[in-house]
PDB file of all heavy atoms in Angstrom:
ATOM      1  N   ASP A   1     110.355  73.661  97.360  1.00  0.00           N
ATOM      2  CA  ASP A   1     111.123  74.659  96.540  1.00  0.00           C
ATOM      3  C   ASP A   1     110.097  75.500  95.706  1.00  0.00           C
ATOM      4  O   ASP A   1     110.285  76.697  95.588  1.00  0.00           O
ATOM      5  CB  ASP A   1     112.144  73.970  95.614  1.00  0.00           C
ATOM      6  CG  ASP A   1     113.281  73.379  96.425  1.00  0.00           C
ATOM      7  OD1 ASP A   1     113.485  73.848  97.566  1.00  0.00           O
ATOM      8  OD2 ASP A   1     113.962  72.451  95.911  1.00  0.00           O
ATOM      9  N   THR A   2     109.109  74.842  95.051  1.00  0.00           N
ATOM     10  CA  THR A   2     108.152  75.607  94.266  1.00  0.00           C
ATOM     11  C   THR A   2     107.346  76.532  95.183  1.00  0.00           C
ATOM     12  O   THR A   2     107.014  77.661  94.805  1.00  0.00           O
ATOM     13  CB  THR A   2     107.198  74.625  93.541  1.00  0.00           C
ATOM     14  OG1 THR A   2     108.024  73.754  92.708  1.00  0.00           O
ATOM     15  CG2 THR A   2     106.207  75.375  92.670  1.00  0.00           C
ATOM     16  N   PHE A   3     106.997  76.046  96.363  1.00  0.00           N
ATOM     17  CA  PHE A   3     106.208  76.857  97.290  1.00  0.00           C
ATOM     18  C   PHE A   3     107.020  78.114  97.660  1.00  0.00           C
ATOM     19  O   PHE A   3     106.473  79.223  97.665  1.00  0.00           O
ATOM     20  CB  PHE A   3     105.887  76.008  98.542  1.00  0.00           C
ATOM     21  CG  PHE A   3     105.221  76.832  99.616  1.00  0.00           C
ATOM     22  CD1 PHE A   3     103.917  77.207  99.592  1.00  0.00           C
ATOM     23  CD2 PHE A   3     106.044  77.245 100.684  1.00  0.00           C
ATOM     24  CE1 PHE A   3     103.383  77.963 100.607  1.00  0.00           C
ATOM     25  CE2 PHE A   3     105.501  78.032 101.722  1.00  0.00           C
ATOM     26  CZ  PHE A   3     104.158  78.361 101.667  1.00  0.00           C
ATOM     27  N   LEU A   4     108.277  77.946  97.970  1.00  0.00           N
ATOM     28  CA  LEU A   4     109.094  79.064  98.416  1.00  0.00           C
ATOM     29  C   LEU A   4     109.372  80.082  97.278  1.00  0.00           C
ATOM     30  O   LEU A   4     109.555  81.251  97.466  1.00  0.00           O
ATOM     31  CB  LEU A   4     110.451  78.546  98.960  1.00  0.00           C
ATOM     32  CG  LEU A   4     110.357  77.684 100.209  1.00  0.00           C
ATOM     33  CD1 LEU A   4     111.754  77.287 100.665  1.00  0.00           C
ATOM     34  CD2 LEU A   4     109.721  78.486 101.368  1.00  0.00           C
ATOM     35  N   SER A   5     109.437  79.569  96.027  1.00  0.00           N
ATOM     36  CA  SER A   5     109.803  80.408  94.925  1.00  0.00           C
ATOM     37  C   SER A   5     108.529  81.127  94.300  1.00  0.00           C
ATOM     38  O   SER A   5     108.630  82.266  93.877  1.00  0.00           O
ATOM     39  CB  SER A   5     110.494  79.659  93.829  1.00  0.00           C
ATOM     40  OG  SER A   5     109.713  78.623  93.353  1.00  0.00           O
ATOM     41  N   THR A   6     107.405  80.419  94.223  1.00  0.00           N
ATOM     42  CA  THR A   6     106.215  80.962  93.602  1.00  0.00           C
ATOM     43  C   THR A   6     105.009  81.055  94.525  1.00  0.00           C
ATOM     44  O   THR A   6     104.172  81.942  94.348  1.00  0.00           O
ATOM     45  CB  THR A   6     105.835  80.122  92.413  1.00  0.00           C
ATOM     46  OG1 THR A   6     105.514  78.789  92.795  1.00  0.00           O
ATOM     47  CG2 THR A   6     106.925  80.128  91.339  1.00  0.00           C
ATOM     48  N   GLY A   7     104.930  80.149  95.501  1.00  0.00           N
ATOM     49  CA  GLY A   7     103.788  80.194  96.415  1.00  0.00           C
ATOM     50  C   GLY A   7     103.798  81.375  97.323  1.00  0.00           C
ATOM     51  O   GLY A   7     102.806  82.021  97.623  1.00  0.00           O
ATOM     52  N   ILE A   8     105.063  81.740  97.829  1.00  0.00           N
ATOM     53  CA  ILE A   8     105.202  82.950  98.634  1.00  0.00           C
ATOM     54  C   ILE A   8     105.461  84.104  97.632  1.00  0.00           C
ATOM     55  O   ILE A   8     106.527  84.226  97.107  1.00  0.00           O
ATOM     56  CB  ILE A   8     106.346  82.833  99.594  1.00  0.00           C
ATOM     57  CG1 ILE A   8     106.035  81.672 100.592  1.00  0.00           C
ATOM     58  CG2 ILE A   8     106.610  84.127 100.381  1.00  0.00           C
ATOM     59  CD1 ILE A   8     107.146  81.484 101.673  1.00  0.00           C
ATOM     60  N   VAL A   9     104.457  84.919  97.454  1.00  0.00           N
ATOM     61  CA  VAL A   9     104.521  85.964  96.440  1.00  0.00           C
ATOM     62  C   VAL A   9     105.462  87.058  96.926  1.00  0.00           C
ATOM     63  O   VAL A   9     106.303  87.602  96.097  1.00  0.00           O
ATOM     64  CB  VAL A   9     103.109  86.581  96.170  1.00  0.00           C
ATOM     65  CG1 VAL A   9     103.213  87.748  95.245  1.00  0.00           C
ATOM     66  CG2 VAL A   9     102.197  85.476  95.712  1.00  0.00           C
ATOM     67  N   SER A  10     105.464  87.409  98.206  1.00  0.00           N
ATOM     68  CA  SER A  10     106.343  88.411  98.705  1.00  0.00           C
ATOM     69  C   SER A  10     106.585  88.139 100.205  1.00  0.00           C
ATOM     70  O   SER A  10     105.735  87.529 100.850  1.00  0.00           O
ATOM     71  CB  SER A  10     105.801  89.811  98.523  1.00  0.00           C
ATOM     72  OG  SER A  10     104.671  90.028  99.274  1.00  0.00           O
ATOM     73  N   SER A  11     107.674  88.673 100.716  1.00  0.00           N
ATOM     74  CA  SER A  11     108.019  88.558 102.148  1.00  0.00           C
ATOM     75  C   SER A  11     108.877  89.698 102.618  1.00  0.00           C
ATOM     76  O   SER A  11     109.618  90.248 101.775  1.00  0.00           O
ATOM     77  CB  SER A  11     108.718  87.219 102.458  1.00  0.00           C
ATOM     78  OG  SER A  11     109.991  87.158 101.811  1.00  0.00           O
ATOM     79  N   GLN A  12     108.749  90.067 103.840  1.00  0.00           N
ATOM     80  CA  GLN A  12     109.515  91.136 104.398  1.00  0.00           C
ATOM     81  C   GLN A  12     109.621  90.965 105.904  1.00  0.00           C
ATOM     82  O   GLN A  12     108.809  90.322 106.504  1.00  0.00           O
ATOM     83  CB  GLN A  12     108.943  92.519 104.041  1.00  0.00           C
ATOM     84  CG  GLN A  12     107.522  92.760 104.566  1.00  0.00           C
ATOM     85  CD  GLN A  12     106.971  94.112 104.157  1.00  0.00           C
ATOM     86  OE1 GLN A  12     105.770  94.183 103.926  1.00  0.00           O
ATOM     87  NE2 GLN A  12     107.817  95.151 104.124  1.00  0.00           N
ATOM     88  N   LYS A  13     110.691  91.563 106.445  1.00  0.00           N
ATOM     89  CA  LYS A  13     110.920  91.397 107.904  1.00  0.00           C
ATOM     90  C   LYS A  13     111.383  92.757 108.421  1.00  0.00           C
ATOM     91  O   LYS A  13     112.211  93.469 107.823  1.00  0.00           O
ATOM     92  CB  LYS A  13     111.993  90.355 108.146  1.00  0.00           C
ATOM     93  CG  LYS A  13     112.268  90.189 109.649  1.00  0.00           C
ATOM     94  CD  LYS A  13     113.415  89.175 109.928  1.00  0.00           C
ATOM     95  CE  LYS A  13     113.635  89.008 111.404  1.00  0.00           C
ATOM     96  NZ  LYS A  13     114.078  90.259 112.074  1.00  0.00           N
ATOM     97  N   VAL A  14     110.763  93.163 109.584  1.00  0.00           N
ATOM     98  CA  VAL A  14     111.162  94.349 110.285  1.00  0.00           C
ATOM     99  C   VAL A  14     111.441  93.998 111.693  1.00  0.00           C
ATOM    100  O   VAL A  14     110.576  93.407 112.399  1.00  0.00           O
ATOM    101  CB  VAL A  14     110.014  95.405 110.186  1.00  0.00           C
ATOM    102  CG1 VAL A  14     110.463  96.669 110.994  1.00  0.00           C
ATOM    103  CG2 VAL A  14     109.778  95.743 108.780  1.00  0.00           C
ATOM    104  N   SER A  15     112.630  94.317 112.245  1.00  0.00           N
ATOM    105  CA  SER A  15     112.977  93.985 113.591  1.00  0.00           C
ATOM    106  C   SER A  15     112.124  94.876 114.566  1.00  0.00           C
ATOM    107  O   SER A  15     111.579  95.939 114.150  1.00  0.00           O
ATOM    108  CB  SER A  15     114.461  94.302 113.841  1.00  0.00           C
ATOM    109  OG  SER A  15     114.755  95.618 113.737  1.00  0.00           O
ATOM    110  N   ALA A  16     112.054  94.508 115.834  1.00  0.00           N
ATOM    111  CA  ALA A  16     111.286  95.233 116.797  1.00  0.00           C
ATOM    112  C   ALA A  16     111.879  96.660 116.983  1.00  0.00           C
ATOM    113  O   ALA A  16     111.125  97.612 117.132  1.00  0.00           O
ATOM    114  CB  ALA A  16     111.264  94.445 118.113  1.00  0.00           C
ATOM    115  N   SER A  17     113.179  96.739 117.054  1.00  0.00           N
ATOM    116  CA  SER A  17     113.816  98.055 117.285  1.00  0.00           C
ATOM    117  C   SER A  17     113.574  98.968 116.078  1.00  0.00           C
ATOM    118  O   SER A  17     113.303 100.181 116.228  1.00  0.00           O
ATOM    119  CB  SER A  17     115.311  97.921 117.511  1.00  0.00           C
ATOM    120  OG  SER A  17     115.943  97.262 116.442  1.00  0.00           O
ATOM    121  N   MET A  18     113.639  98.395 114.875  1.00  0.00           N
ATOM    122  CA  MET A  18     113.377  99.236 113.654  1.00  0.00           C
ATOM    123  C   MET A  18     111.946  99.708 113.605  1.00  0.00           C
ATOM    124  O   MET A  18     111.665 100.843 113.253  1.00  0.00           O
ATOM    125  CB  MET A  18     113.748  98.420 112.376  1.00  0.00           C
ATOM    126  CG  MET A  18     113.600  99.229 111.100  1.00  0.00           C
ATOM    127  SD  MET A  18     113.983  98.229 109.642  1.00  0.00           S
ATOM    128  CE  MET A  18     115.728  97.851 109.898  1.00  0.00           C
ATOM    129  N   SER A  19     111.007  98.791 113.958  1.00  0.00           N
ATOM    130  CA  SER A  19     109.600  99.164 113.911  1.00  0.00           C
ATOM    131  C   SER A  19     109.281 100.274 114.929  1.00  0.00           C
ATOM    132  O   SER A  19     108.471 101.192 114.640  1.00  0.00           O
ATOM    133  CB  SER A  19     108.714  97.937 114.207  1.00  0.00           C
ATOM    134  OG  SER A  19     108.905  97.498 115.554  1.00  0.00           O
ATOM    135  N   HIS A  20     109.946 100.216 116.074  1.00  0.00           N
ATOM    136  CA  HIS A  20     109.741 101.289 117.084  1.00  0.00           C
ATOM    137  C   HIS A  20     110.236 102.647 116.526  1.00  0.00           C
ATOM    138  O   HIS A  20     109.549 103.646 116.704  1.00  0.00           O
ATOM    139  CB  HIS A  20     110.465 100.922 118.360  1.00  0.00           C
ATOM    140  CG  HIS A  20     110.419 101.986 119.420  1.00  0.00           C
ATOM    141  ND1 HIS A  20     109.299 102.212 120.162  1.00  0.00           N
ATOM    142  CD2 HIS A  20     111.320 102.915 119.806  1.00  0.00           C
ATOM    143  CE1 HIS A  20     109.497 103.263 120.978  1.00  0.00           C
ATOM    144  NE2 HIS A  20     110.798 103.680 120.826  1.00  0.00           N
ATOM    145  N   ASP A  21     111.364 102.610 115.851  1.00  0.00           N
ATOM    146  CA  ASP A  21     111.868 103.823 115.241  1.00  0.00           C
ATOM    147  C   ASP A  21     111.002 104.342 114.150  1.00  0.00           C
ATOM    148  O   ASP A  21     110.776 105.565 114.051  1.00  0.00           O
ATOM    149  CB  ASP A  21     113.293 103.520 114.729  1.00  0.00           C
ATOM    150  CG  ASP A  21     114.052 104.805 114.227  1.00  0.00           C
ATOM    151  OD1 ASP A  21     114.118 105.768 115.011  1.00  0.00           O
ATOM    152  OD2 ASP A  21     114.462 104.820 113.123  1.00  0.00           O
ATOM    153  N   ILE A  22     110.500 103.483 113.325  1.00  0.00           N
ATOM    154  CA  ILE A  22     109.600 103.859 112.188  1.00  0.00           C
ATOM    155  C   ILE A  22     108.322 104.480 112.786  1.00  0.00           C
ATOM    156  O   ILE A  22     107.826 105.503 112.302  1.00  0.00           O
ATOM    157  CB  ILE A  22     109.276 102.653 111.268  1.00  0.00           C
ATOM    158  CG1 ILE A  22     110.541 102.212 110.556  1.00  0.00           C
ATOM    159  CG2 ILE A  22     108.189 103.065 110.299  1.00  0.00           C
ATOM    160  CD1 ILE A  22     110.363 100.915 109.794  1.00  0.00           C
ATOM    161  N   ALA A  23     107.740 103.854 113.772  1.00  0.00           N
ATOM    162  CA  ALA A  23     106.519 104.287 114.396  1.00  0.00           C
ATOM    163  C   ALA A  23     106.719 105.729 115.023  1.00  0.00           C
ATOM    164  O   ALA A  23     105.858 106.606 114.903  1.00  0.00           O
ATOM    165  CB  ALA A  23     105.986 103.304 115.431  1.00  0.00           C
ATOM    166  N   ARG A  24     107.856 105.892 115.700  1.00  0.00           N
ATOM    167  CA  ARG A  24     108.160 107.161 116.311  1.00  0.00           C
ATOM    168  C   ARG A  24     108.284 108.268 115.256  1.00  0.00           C
ATOM    169  O   ARG A  24     107.694 109.345 115.411  1.00  0.00           O
ATOM    170  CB  ARG A  24     109.482 107.053 117.159  1.00  0.00           C
ATOM    171  CG  ARG A  24     109.863 108.326 117.890  1.00  0.00           C
ATOM    172  CD  ARG A  24     111.101 108.117 118.643  1.00  0.00           C
ATOM    173  NE  ARG A  24     112.246 107.727 117.798  1.00  0.00           N
ATOM    174  CZ  ARG A  24     112.992 108.577 117.134  1.00  0.00           C
ATOM    175  NH1 ARG A  24     112.734 109.851 117.151  1.00  0.00           N
ATOM    176  NH2 ARG A  24     113.989 108.124 116.355  1.00  0.00           N
ATOM    177  N   LYS A  25     108.929 108.010 114.214  1.00  0.00           N
ATOM    178  CA  LYS A  25     109.123 108.981 113.150  1.00  0.00           C
ATOM    179  C   LYS A  25     107.818 109.280 112.405  1.00  0.00           C
ATOM    180  O   LYS A  25     107.562 110.431 112.022  1.00  0.00           O
ATOM    181  CB  LYS A  25     110.187 108.513 112.167  1.00  0.00           C
ATOM    182  CG  LYS A  25     111.590 108.496 112.684  1.00  0.00           C
ATOM    183  CD  LYS A  25     112.635 108.073 111.647  1.00  0.00           C
ATOM    184  CE  LYS A  25     114.039 108.143 112.276  1.00  0.00           C
ATOM    185  NZ  LYS A  25     115.017 107.685 111.322  1.00  0.00           N
ATOM    186  N   ALA A  26     106.990 108.254 112.273  1.00  0.00           N
ATOM    187  CA  ALA A  26     105.687 108.477 111.634  1.00  0.00           C
ATOM    188  C   ALA A  26     104.808 109.384 112.466  1.00  0.00           C
ATOM    189  O   ALA A  26     104.113 110.314 111.944  1.00  0.00           O
ATOM    190  CB  ALA A  26     104.950 107.156 111.430  1.00  0.00           C
ATOM    191  N   LEU A  27     104.823 109.162 113.813  1.00  0.00           N
ATOM    192  CA  LEU A  27     104.074 109.989 114.684  1.00  0.00           C
ATOM    193  C   LEU A  27     104.596 111.444 114.655  1.00  0.00           C
ATOM    194  O   LEU A  27     103.816 112.374 114.642  1.00  0.00           O
ATOM    195  CB  LEU A  27     104.106 109.405 116.143  1.00  0.00           C
ATOM    196  CG  LEU A  27     103.323 110.209 117.225  1.00  0.00           C
ATOM    197  CD1 LEU A  27     101.843 110.156 116.862  1.00  0.00           C
ATOM    198  CD2 LEU A  27     103.560 109.544 118.575  1.00  0.00           C
ATOM    199  N   ILE A  28     105.873 111.594 114.703  1.00  0.00           N
ATOM    200  CA  ILE A  28     106.450 112.913 114.630  1.00  0.00           C
ATOM    201  C   ILE A  28     106.031 113.611 113.358  1.00  0.00           C
ATOM    202  O   ILE A  28     105.775 114.813 113.325  1.00  0.00           O
ATOM    203  CB  ILE A  28     108.022 112.817 114.777  1.00  0.00           C
ATOM    204  CG1 ILE A  28     108.422 112.405 116.171  1.00  0.00           C
ATOM    205  CG2 ILE A  28     108.651 114.174 114.407  1.00  0.00           C
ATOM    206  CD1 ILE A  28     109.875 112.134 116.306  1.00  0.00           C
ATOM    207  N   ALA A  29     106.085 112.899 112.240  1.00  0.00           N
ATOM    208  CA  ALA A  29     105.734 113.445 110.925  1.00  0.00           C
ATOM    209  C   ALA A  29     104.274 113.990 110.952  1.00  0.00           C
ATOM    210  O   ALA A  29     103.987 115.060 110.460  1.00  0.00           O
ATOM    211  CB  ALA A  29     105.898 112.431 109.777  1.00  0.00           C
ATOM    212  N   VAL A  30     103.334 113.210 111.476  1.00  0.00           N
ATOM    213  CA  VAL A  30     101.970 113.649 111.543  1.00  0.00           C
ATOM    214  C   VAL A  30     101.782 114.859 112.435  1.00  0.00           C
ATOM    215  O   VAL A  30     101.104 115.848 112.105  1.00  0.00           O
ATOM    216  CB  VAL A  30     101.036 112.494 111.999  1.00  0.00           C
ATOM    217  CG1 VAL A  30      99.602 112.996 112.205  1.00  0.00           C
ATOM    218  CG2 VAL A  30     101.053 111.328 110.976  1.00  0.00           C
ATOM    219  N   ILE A  31     102.390 114.824 113.628  1.00  0.00           N
ATOM    220  CA  ILE A  31     102.291 115.955 114.570  1.00  0.00           C
ATOM    221  C   ILE A  31     102.883 117.259 113.944  1.00  0.00           C
ATOM    222  O   ILE A  31     102.273 118.340 113.998  1.00  0.00           O
ATOM    223  CB  ILE A  31     102.958 115.603 115.891  1.00  0.00           C
ATOM    224  CG1 ILE A  31     102.167 114.506 116.567  1.00  0.00           C
ATOM    225  CG2 ILE A  31     103.021 116.861 116.770  1.00  0.00           C
ATOM    226  CD1 ILE A  31     102.849 113.955 117.808  1.00  0.00           C
ATOM    227  N   LEU A  32     104.058 117.107 113.343  1.00  0.00           N
ATOM    228  CA  LEU A  32     104.705 118.292 112.694  1.00  0.00           C
ATOM    229  C   LEU A  32     103.842 118.830 111.593  1.00  0.00           C
ATOM    230  O   LEU A  32     103.701 120.050 111.435  1.00  0.00           O
ATOM    231  CB  LEU A  32     106.048 117.902 112.169  1.00  0.00           C
ATOM    232  CG  LEU A  32     107.198 117.751 113.215  1.00  0.00           C
ATOM    233  CD1 LEU A  32     108.531 117.340 112.522  1.00  0.00           C
ATOM    234  CD2 LEU A  32     107.380 119.061 113.981  1.00  0.00           C
ATOM    235  N   ALA A  33     103.214 117.899 110.790  1.00  0.00           N
ATOM    236  CA  ALA A  33     102.345 118.437 109.721  1.00  0.00           C
ATOM    237  C   ALA A  33     101.167 119.225 110.260  1.00  0.00           C
ATOM    238  O   ALA A  33     100.841 120.289 109.758  1.00  0.00           O
ATOM    239  CB  ALA A  33     101.842 117.208 108.932  1.00  0.00           C
ATOM    240  N   LEU A  34     100.559 118.710 111.354  1.00  0.00           N
ATOM    241  CA  LEU A  34      99.444 119.451 111.958  1.00  0.00           C
ATOM    242  C   LEU A  34      99.886 120.838 112.521  1.00  0.00           C
ATOM    243  O   LEU A  34      99.176 121.849 112.331  1.00  0.00           O
ATOM    244  CB  LEU A  34      98.857 118.602 113.153  1.00  0.00           C
ATOM    245  CG  LEU A  34      98.139 117.276 112.703  1.00  0.00           C
ATOM    246  CD1 LEU A  34      97.730 116.489 113.929  1.00  0.00           C
ATOM    247  CD2 LEU A  34      96.923 117.570 111.881  1.00  0.00           C
ATOM    248  N   VAL A  35     101.038 120.806 113.253  1.00  0.00           N
ATOM    249  CA  VAL A  35     101.512 122.038 113.788  1.00  0.00           C
ATOM    250  C   VAL A  35     101.897 123.070 112.776  1.00  0.00           C
ATOM    251  O   VAL A  35     101.530 124.234 112.838  1.00  0.00           O
ATOM    252  CB  VAL A  35     102.752 121.718 114.742  1.00  0.00           C
ATOM    253  CG1 VAL A  35     103.373 123.061 115.185  1.00  0.00           C
ATOM    254  CG2 VAL A  35     102.274 120.931 115.959  1.00  0.00           C
ATOM    255  N   PHE A  36     102.618 122.637 111.700  1.00  0.00           N
ATOM    256  CA  PHE A  36     103.031 123.555 110.691  1.00  0.00           C
ATOM    257  C   PHE A  36     101.856 124.064 109.854  1.00  0.00           C
ATOM    258  O   PHE A  36     101.854 125.223 109.414  1.00  0.00           O
ATOM    259  CB  PHE A  36     104.062 122.876 109.763  1.00  0.00           C
ATOM    260  CG  PHE A  36     105.475 122.989 110.268  1.00  0.00           C
ATOM    261  CD1 PHE A  36     106.039 121.954 110.962  1.00  0.00           C
ATOM    262  CD2 PHE A  36     106.187 124.160 110.115  1.00  0.00           C
ATOM    263  CE1 PHE A  36     107.339 122.010 111.480  1.00  0.00           C
ATOM    264  CE2 PHE A  36     107.551 124.254 110.578  1.00  0.00           C
ATOM    265  CZ  PHE A  36     108.121 123.188 111.261  1.00  0.00           C
ATOM    266  N   MET A  37     100.831 123.272 109.684  1.00  0.00           N
ATOM    267  CA  MET A  37      99.638 123.729 108.987  1.00  0.00           C
ATOM    268  C   MET A  37      98.945 124.807 109.760  1.00  0.00           C
ATOM    269  O   MET A  37      98.532 125.832 109.281  1.00  0.00           O
ATOM    270  CB  MET A  37      98.694 122.557 108.714  1.00  0.00           C
ATOM    271  CG  MET A  37      99.127 121.614 107.695  1.00  0.00           C
ATOM    272  SD  MET A  37      99.385 122.371 106.053  1.00  0.00           S
ATOM    273  CE  MET A  37     101.163 122.520 106.032  1.00  0.00           C
ATOM    274  N   ALA A  38      98.877 124.597 111.116  1.00  0.00           N
ATOM    275  CA  ALA A  38      98.238 125.608 112.003  1.00  0.00           C
ATOM    276  C   ALA A  38      99.047 126.920 111.998  1.00  0.00           C
ATOM    277  O   ALA A  38      98.543 128.010 111.957  1.00  0.00           O
ATOM    278  CB  ALA A  38      98.122 125.070 113.433  1.00  0.00           C
ATOM    279  N   ALA A  39     100.419 126.759 111.990  1.00  0.00           N
ATOM    280  CA  ALA A  39     101.287 127.881 111.986  1.00  0.00           C
ATOM    281  C   ALA A  39     101.182 128.654 110.631  1.00  0.00           C
ATOM    282  O   ALA A  39     101.161 129.909 110.624  1.00  0.00           O
ATOM    283  CB  ALA A  39     102.738 127.486 112.157  1.00  0.00           C
TER     284      ALA A  39
END
């Protein structure tokens, strides 16, 4: 119990489908930034 409450400082979980969506949006954000800067 002590390990779970204080030993683990932080934890997070991201599903495979959510990570794919985040990665896709991040790539789109970078590409759009490059294109709009050139424009």
